[in-house]
Amino acid sequence: MAPKKSGRSRGSAKGKYDIPRAPTRDPGPTGNVGCWVVLAGLACIALVVVLLEIFG
């Protein structure tokens, strides 16, 4: 007679409260590029306004 199998099914024993190992939304060090682009755009707009006030 074969040994009796345990009640658990095969595979990983993931429960209801286990932490999912999905990839996070943290982009890492390249995530600041958008911030720098917005900052450079605001600086350019401010420079154009100052130049128009001086020479306009």
PDB file of N, CA and C in Angstrom:
ATOM      1  N   MET A   1       0.837  -1.174   0.000  1.00  0.00           N
ATOM      2  CA  MET A   1       0.000   0.000   0.000  1.00  0.00           C
ATOM      3  C   MET A   1       0.892   1.251   0.000  1.00  0.00           C
ATOM      4  N   ALA A   2       0.522   2.245  -0.801  1.00  0.00           N
ATOM      5  CA  ALA A   2       1.315   3.473  -0.909  1.00  0.00           C
ATOM      6  C   ALA A   2       1.080   4.340   0.321  1.00  0.00           C
ATOM      7  N   PRO A   3       2.085   5.108   0.689  1.00  0.00           N
ATOM      8  CA  PRO A   3       1.902   5.998   1.847  1.00  0.00           C
ATOM      9  C   PRO A   3       0.847   7.064   1.551  1.00  0.00           C
ATOM     10  N   LYS A   4       0.142   7.449   2.586  1.00  0.00           N
ATOM     11  CA  LYS A   4      -0.935   8.425   2.426  1.00  0.00           C
ATOM     12  C   LYS A   4      -0.340   9.819   2.192  1.00  0.00           C
ATOM     13  N   LYS A   5      -0.897  10.539   1.209  1.00  0.00           N
ATOM     14  CA  LYS A   5      -0.423  11.897   0.910  1.00  0.00           C
ATOM     15  C   LYS A   5      -0.984  12.869   1.937  1.00  0.00           C
ATOM     16  N   SER A   6      -0.240  13.913   2.153  1.00  0.00           N
ATOM     17  CA  SER A   6      -0.719  14.924   3.097  1.00  0.00           C
ATOM     18  C   SER A   6      -1.837  15.739   2.444  1.00  0.00           C
ATOM     19  N   GLY A   7      -2.501  16.526   3.231  1.00  0.00           N
ATOM     20  CA  GLY A   7      -3.642  17.295   2.749  1.00  0.00           C
ATOM     21  C   GLY A   7      -3.264  18.447   1.833  1.00  0.00           C
ATOM     22  N   ARG A   8      -2.021  18.899   1.899  1.00  0.00           N
ATOM     23  CA  ARG A   8      -1.616  20.044   1.091  1.00  0.00           C
ATOM     24  C   ARG A   8      -1.394  19.642  -0.353  1.00  0.00           C
ATOM     25  N   SER A   9      -1.719  20.541  -1.244  1.00  0.00           N
ATOM     26  CA  SER A   9      -1.474  20.271  -2.658  1.00  0.00           C
ATOM     27  C   SER A   9      -0.025  20.603  -2.998  1.00  0.00           C
ATOM     28  N   ARG A  10       0.387  20.181  -4.154  1.00  0.00           N
ATOM     29  CA  ARG A  10       1.762  20.460  -4.574  1.00  0.00           C
ATOM     30  C   ARG A  10       1.951  21.926  -4.898  1.00  0.00           C
ATOM     31  N   GLY A  11       3.195  22.375  -4.929  1.00  0.00           N
ATOM     32  CA  GLY A  11       3.495  23.767  -5.260  1.00  0.00           C
ATOM     33  C   GLY A  11       3.810  24.558  -4.012  1.00  0.00           C
ATOM     34  N   SER A  12       3.838  25.852  -4.195  1.00  0.00           N
ATOM     35  CA  SER A  12       4.183  26.708  -3.067  1.00  0.00           C
ATOM     36  C   SER A  12       2.995  26.826  -2.130  1.00  0.00           C
ATOM     37  N   ALA A  13       3.299  26.925  -0.869  1.00  0.00           N
ATOM     38  CA  ALA A  13       2.245  27.011   0.145  1.00  0.00           C
ATOM     39  C   ALA A  13       1.943  28.480   0.403  1.00  0.00           C
ATOM     40  N   LYS A  14       1.253  29.114  -0.539  1.00  0.00           N
ATOM     41  CA  LYS A  14       0.919  30.521  -0.372  1.00  0.00           C
ATOM     42  C   LYS A  14      -0.400  30.637   0.352  1.00  0.00           C
ATOM     43  N   GLY A  15      -0.387  31.370   1.407  1.00  0.00           N
ATOM     44  CA  GLY A  15      -1.612  31.556   2.175  1.00  0.00           C
ATOM     45  C   GLY A  15      -2.276  32.875   1.840  1.00  0.00           C
ATOM     46  N   LYS A  16      -3.346  33.140   2.536  1.00  0.00           N
ATOM     47  CA  LYS A  16      -4.116  34.354   2.284  1.00  0.00           C
ATOM     48  C   LYS A  16      -3.337  35.605   2.702  1.00  0.00           C
ATOM     49  N   TYR A  17      -2.504  35.473   3.712  1.00  0.00           N
ATOM     50  CA  TYR A  17      -1.837  36.644   4.261  1.00  0.00           C
ATOM     51  C   TYR A  17      -0.366  36.724   3.882  1.00  0.00           C
ATOM     52  N   ASP A  18       0.085  35.930   2.923  1.00  0.00           N
ATOM     53  CA  ASP A  18       1.483  36.003   2.491  1.00  0.00           C
ATOM     54  C   ASP A  18       1.721  37.286   1.709  1.00  0.00           C
ATOM     55  N   ILE A  19       2.920  37.797   1.807  1.00  0.00           N
ATOM     56  CA  ILE A  19       3.279  39.015   1.088  1.00  0.00           C
ATOM     57  C   ILE A  19       3.527  38.645  -0.380  1.00  0.00           C
ATOM     58  N   PRO A  20       2.847  39.289  -1.321  1.00  0.00           N
ATOM     59  CA  PRO A  20       3.090  38.959  -2.724  1.00  0.00           C
ATOM     60  C   PRO A  20       4.467  39.450  -3.159  1.00  0.00           C
ATOM     61  N   ARG A  21       5.134  38.653  -3.958  1.00  0.00           N
ATOM     62  CA  ARG A  21       6.474  39.009  -4.426  1.00  0.00           C
ATOM     63  C   ARG A  21       6.429  39.624  -5.813  1.00  0.00           C
ATOM     64  N   ALA A  22       5.486  40.504  -6.037  1.00  0.00           N
ATOM     65  CA  ALA A  22       5.363  41.170  -7.333  1.00  0.00           C
ATOM     66  C   ALA A  22       6.394  42.293  -7.424  1.00  0.00           C
ATOM     67  N   PRO A  23       6.771  42.682  -8.634  1.00  0.00           N
ATOM     68  CA  PRO A  23       7.713  43.797  -8.759  1.00  0.00           C
ATOM     69  C   PRO A  23       7.106  45.092  -8.233  1.00  0.00           C
ATOM     70  N   THR A  24       7.908  45.884  -7.589  1.00  0.00           N
ATOM     71  CA  THR A  24       7.420  47.140  -7.023  1.00  0.00           C
ATOM     72  C   THR A  24       7.410  48.222  -8.092  1.00  0.00           C
ATOM     73  N   ARG A  25       6.767  49.322  -7.770  1.00  0.00           N
ATOM     74  CA  ARG A  25       6.685  50.436  -8.721  1.00  0.00           C
ATOM     75  C   ARG A  25       7.852  51.406  -8.571  1.00  0.00           C
ATOM     76  N   ASP A  26       8.817  51.079  -7.742  1.00  0.00           N
ATOM     77  CA  ASP A  26       9.962  51.956  -7.543  1.00  0.00           C
ATOM     78  C   ASP A  26      10.870  51.890  -8.765  1.00  0.00           C
ATOM     79  N   PRO A  27      11.014  52.986  -9.512  1.00  0.00           N
ATOM     80  CA  PRO A  27      11.821  52.918 -10.729  1.00  0.00           C
ATOM     81  C   PRO A  27      13.319  52.938 -10.482  1.00  0.00           C
ATOM     82  N   GLY A  28      13.746  53.226  -9.266  1.00  0.00           N
ATOM     83  CA  GLY A  28      15.172  53.241  -8.978  1.00  0.00           C
ATOM     84  C   GLY A  28      15.793  54.598  -9.260  1.00  0.00           C
ATOM     85  N   PRO A  29      17.097  54.612  -9.510  1.00  0.00           N
ATOM     86  CA  PRO A  29      17.781  55.903  -9.700  1.00  0.00           C
ATOM     87  C   PRO A  29      17.342  56.654 -10.945  1.00  0.00           C
ATOM     88  N   THR A  30      16.761  55.979 -11.939  1.00  0.00           N
ATOM     89  CA  THR A  30      16.327  56.678 -13.151  1.00  0.00           C
ATOM     90  C   THR A  30      14.986  57.365 -12.964  1.00  0.00           C
ATOM     91  N   GLY A  31      14.372  57.233 -11.806  1.00  0.00           N
ATOM     92  CA  GLY A  31      13.066  57.840 -11.589  1.00  0.00           C
ATOM     93  C   GLY A  31      13.105  59.343 -11.439  1.00  0.00           C
ATOM     94  N   ASN A  32      14.272  59.931 -11.211  1.00  0.00           N
ATOM     95  CA  ASN A  32      14.378  61.375 -11.037  1.00  0.00           C
ATOM     96  C   ASN A  32      14.497  62.115 -12.360  1.00  0.00           C
ATOM     97  N   VAL A  33      14.555  61.405 -13.484  1.00  0.00           N
ATOM     98  CA  VAL A  33      14.741  62.067 -14.777  1.00  0.00           C
ATOM     99  C   VAL A  33      13.563  62.975 -15.081  1.00  0.00           C
ATOM    100  N   GLY A  34      12.350  62.499 -14.825  1.00  0.00           N
ATOM    101  CA  GLY A  34      11.171  63.334 -15.085  1.00  0.00           C
ATOM    102  C   GLY A  34      11.163  64.586 -14.231  1.00  0.00           C
ATOM    103  N   CYS A  35      11.623  64.467 -13.012  1.00  0.00           N
ATOM    104  CA  CYS A  35      11.696  65.637 -12.132  1.00  0.00           C
ATOM    105  C   CYS A  35      12.668  66.673 -12.687  1.00  0.00           C
ATOM    106  N   TRP A  36      13.799  66.192 -13.173  1.00  0.00           N
ATOM    107  CA  TRP A  36      14.786  67.124 -13.742  1.00  0.00           C
ATOM    108  C   TRP A  36      14.268  67.761 -15.026  1.00  0.00           C
ATOM    109  N   VAL A  37      13.501  67.027 -15.829  1.00  0.00           N
ATOM    110  CA  VAL A  37      12.936  67.592 -17.057  1.00  0.00           C
ATOM    111  C   VAL A  37      11.944  68.704 -16.728  1.00  0.00           C
ATOM    112  N   VAL A  38      11.101  68.478 -15.728  1.00  0.00           N
ATOM    113  CA  VAL A  38      10.136  69.511 -15.322  1.00  0.00           C
ATOM    114  C   VAL A  38      10.877  70.724 -14.769  1.00  0.00           C
ATOM    115  N   LEU A  39      11.886  70.487 -13.978  1.00  0.00           N
ATOM    116  CA  LEU A  39      12.661  71.591 -13.410  1.00  0.00           C
ATOM    117  C   LEU A  39      13.352  72.410 -14.496  1.00  0.00           C
ATOM    118  N   ALA A  40      13.926  71.737 -15.498  1.00  0.00           N
ATOM    119  CA  ALA A  40      14.586  72.448 -16.602  1.00  0.00           C
ATOM    120  C   ALA A  40      13.566  73.239 -17.418  1.00  0.00           C
ATOM    121  N   GLY A  41      12.378  72.676 -17.627  1.00  0.00           N
ATOM    122  CA  GLY A  41      11.337  73.406 -18.358  1.00  0.00           C
ATOM    123  C   GLY A  41      10.889  74.662 -17.622  1.00  0.00           C
ATOM    124  N   LEU A  42      10.717  74.550 -16.317  1.00  0.00           N
ATOM    125  CA  LEU A  42      10.336  75.734 -15.540  1.00  0.00           C
ATOM    126  C   LEU A  42      11.434  76.795 -15.555  1.00  0.00           C
ATOM    127  N   ALA A  43      12.686  76.375 -15.513  1.00  0.00           N
ATOM    128  CA  ALA A  43      13.797  77.322 -15.563  1.00  0.00           C
ATOM    129  C   ALA A  43      13.835  78.036 -16.910  1.00  0.00           C
ATOM    130  N   CYS A  44      13.577  77.296 -17.994  1.00  0.00           N
ATOM    131  CA  CYS A  44      13.561  77.923 -19.326  1.00  0.00           C
ATOM    132  C   CYS A  44      12.425  78.934 -19.439  1.00  0.00           C
ATOM    133  N   ILE A  45      11.261  78.586 -18.925  1.00  0.00           N
ATOM    134  CA  ILE A  45      10.130  79.518 -18.980  1.00  0.00           C
ATOM    135  C   ILE A  45      10.438  80.773 -18.171  1.00  0.00           C
ATOM    136  N   ALA A  46      11.034  80.607 -16.997  1.00  0.00           N
ATOM    137  CA  ALA A  46      11.393  81.774 -16.179  1.00  0.00           C
ATOM    138  C   ALA A  46      12.423  82.642 -16.891  1.00  0.00           C
ATOM    139  N   LEU A  47      13.373  82.014 -17.573  1.00  0.00           N
ATOM    140  CA  LEU A  47      14.400  82.771 -18.306  1.00  0.00           C
ATOM    141  C   LEU A  47      13.772  83.550 -19.453  1.00  0.00           C
ATOM    142  N   VAL A  48      12.821  82.951 -20.162  1.00  0.00           N
ATOM    143  CA  VAL A  48      12.145  83.648 -21.257  1.00  0.00           C
ATOM    144  C   VAL A  48      11.350  84.832 -20.717  1.00  0.00           C
ATOM    145  N   VAL A  49      10.678  84.656 -19.606  1.00  0.00           N
ATOM    146  CA  VAL A  49       9.905  85.760 -19.022  1.00  0.00           C
ATOM    147  C   VAL A  49      10.824  86.902 -18.613  1.00  0.00           C
ATOM    148  N   VAL A  50      11.961  86.585 -18.011  1.00  0.00           N
ATOM    149  CA  VAL A  50      12.909  87.628 -17.597  1.00  0.00           C
ATOM    150  C   VAL A  50      13.466  88.355 -18.810  1.00  0.00           C
ATOM    151  N   LEU A  51      13.807  87.615 -19.846  1.00  0.00           N
ATOM    152  CA  LEU A  51      14.336  88.261 -21.060  1.00  0.00           C
ATOM    153  C   LEU A  51      13.290  89.128 -21.741  1.00  0.00           C
ATOM    154  N   LEU A  52      12.038  88.696 -21.759  1.00  0.00           N
ATOM    155  CA  LEU A  52      10.988  89.521 -22.341  1.00  0.00           C
ATOM    156  C   LEU A  52      10.742  90.780 -21.524  1.00  0.00           C
ATOM    157  N   GLU A  53      10.885  90.691 -20.200  1.00  0.00           N
ATOM    158  CA  GLU A  53      10.720  91.879 -19.368  1.00  0.00           C
ATOM    159  C   GLU A  53      11.865  92.866 -19.591  1.00  0.00           C
ATOM    160  N   ILE A  54      13.064  92.352 -19.797  1.00  0.00           N
ATOM    161  CA  ILE A  54      14.206  93.250 -19.970  1.00  0.00           C
ATOM    162  C   ILE A  54      14.191  93.885 -21.366  1.00  0.00           C
ATOM    163  N   PHE A  55      14.028  93.072 -22.403  1.00  0.00           N
ATOM    164  CA  PHE A  55      14.144  93.565 -23.770  1.00  0.00           C
ATOM    165  C   PHE A  55      12.799  93.900 -24.397  1.00  0.00           C
ATOM    166  N   GLY A  56      11.711  93.654 -23.739  1.00  0.00           N
ATOM    167  CA  GLY A  56      10.401  93.918 -24.318  1.00  0.00           C
ATOM    168  C   GLY A  56       9.923  95.254 -23.911  1.00  0.00           C
TER     169      GLY A  56
END
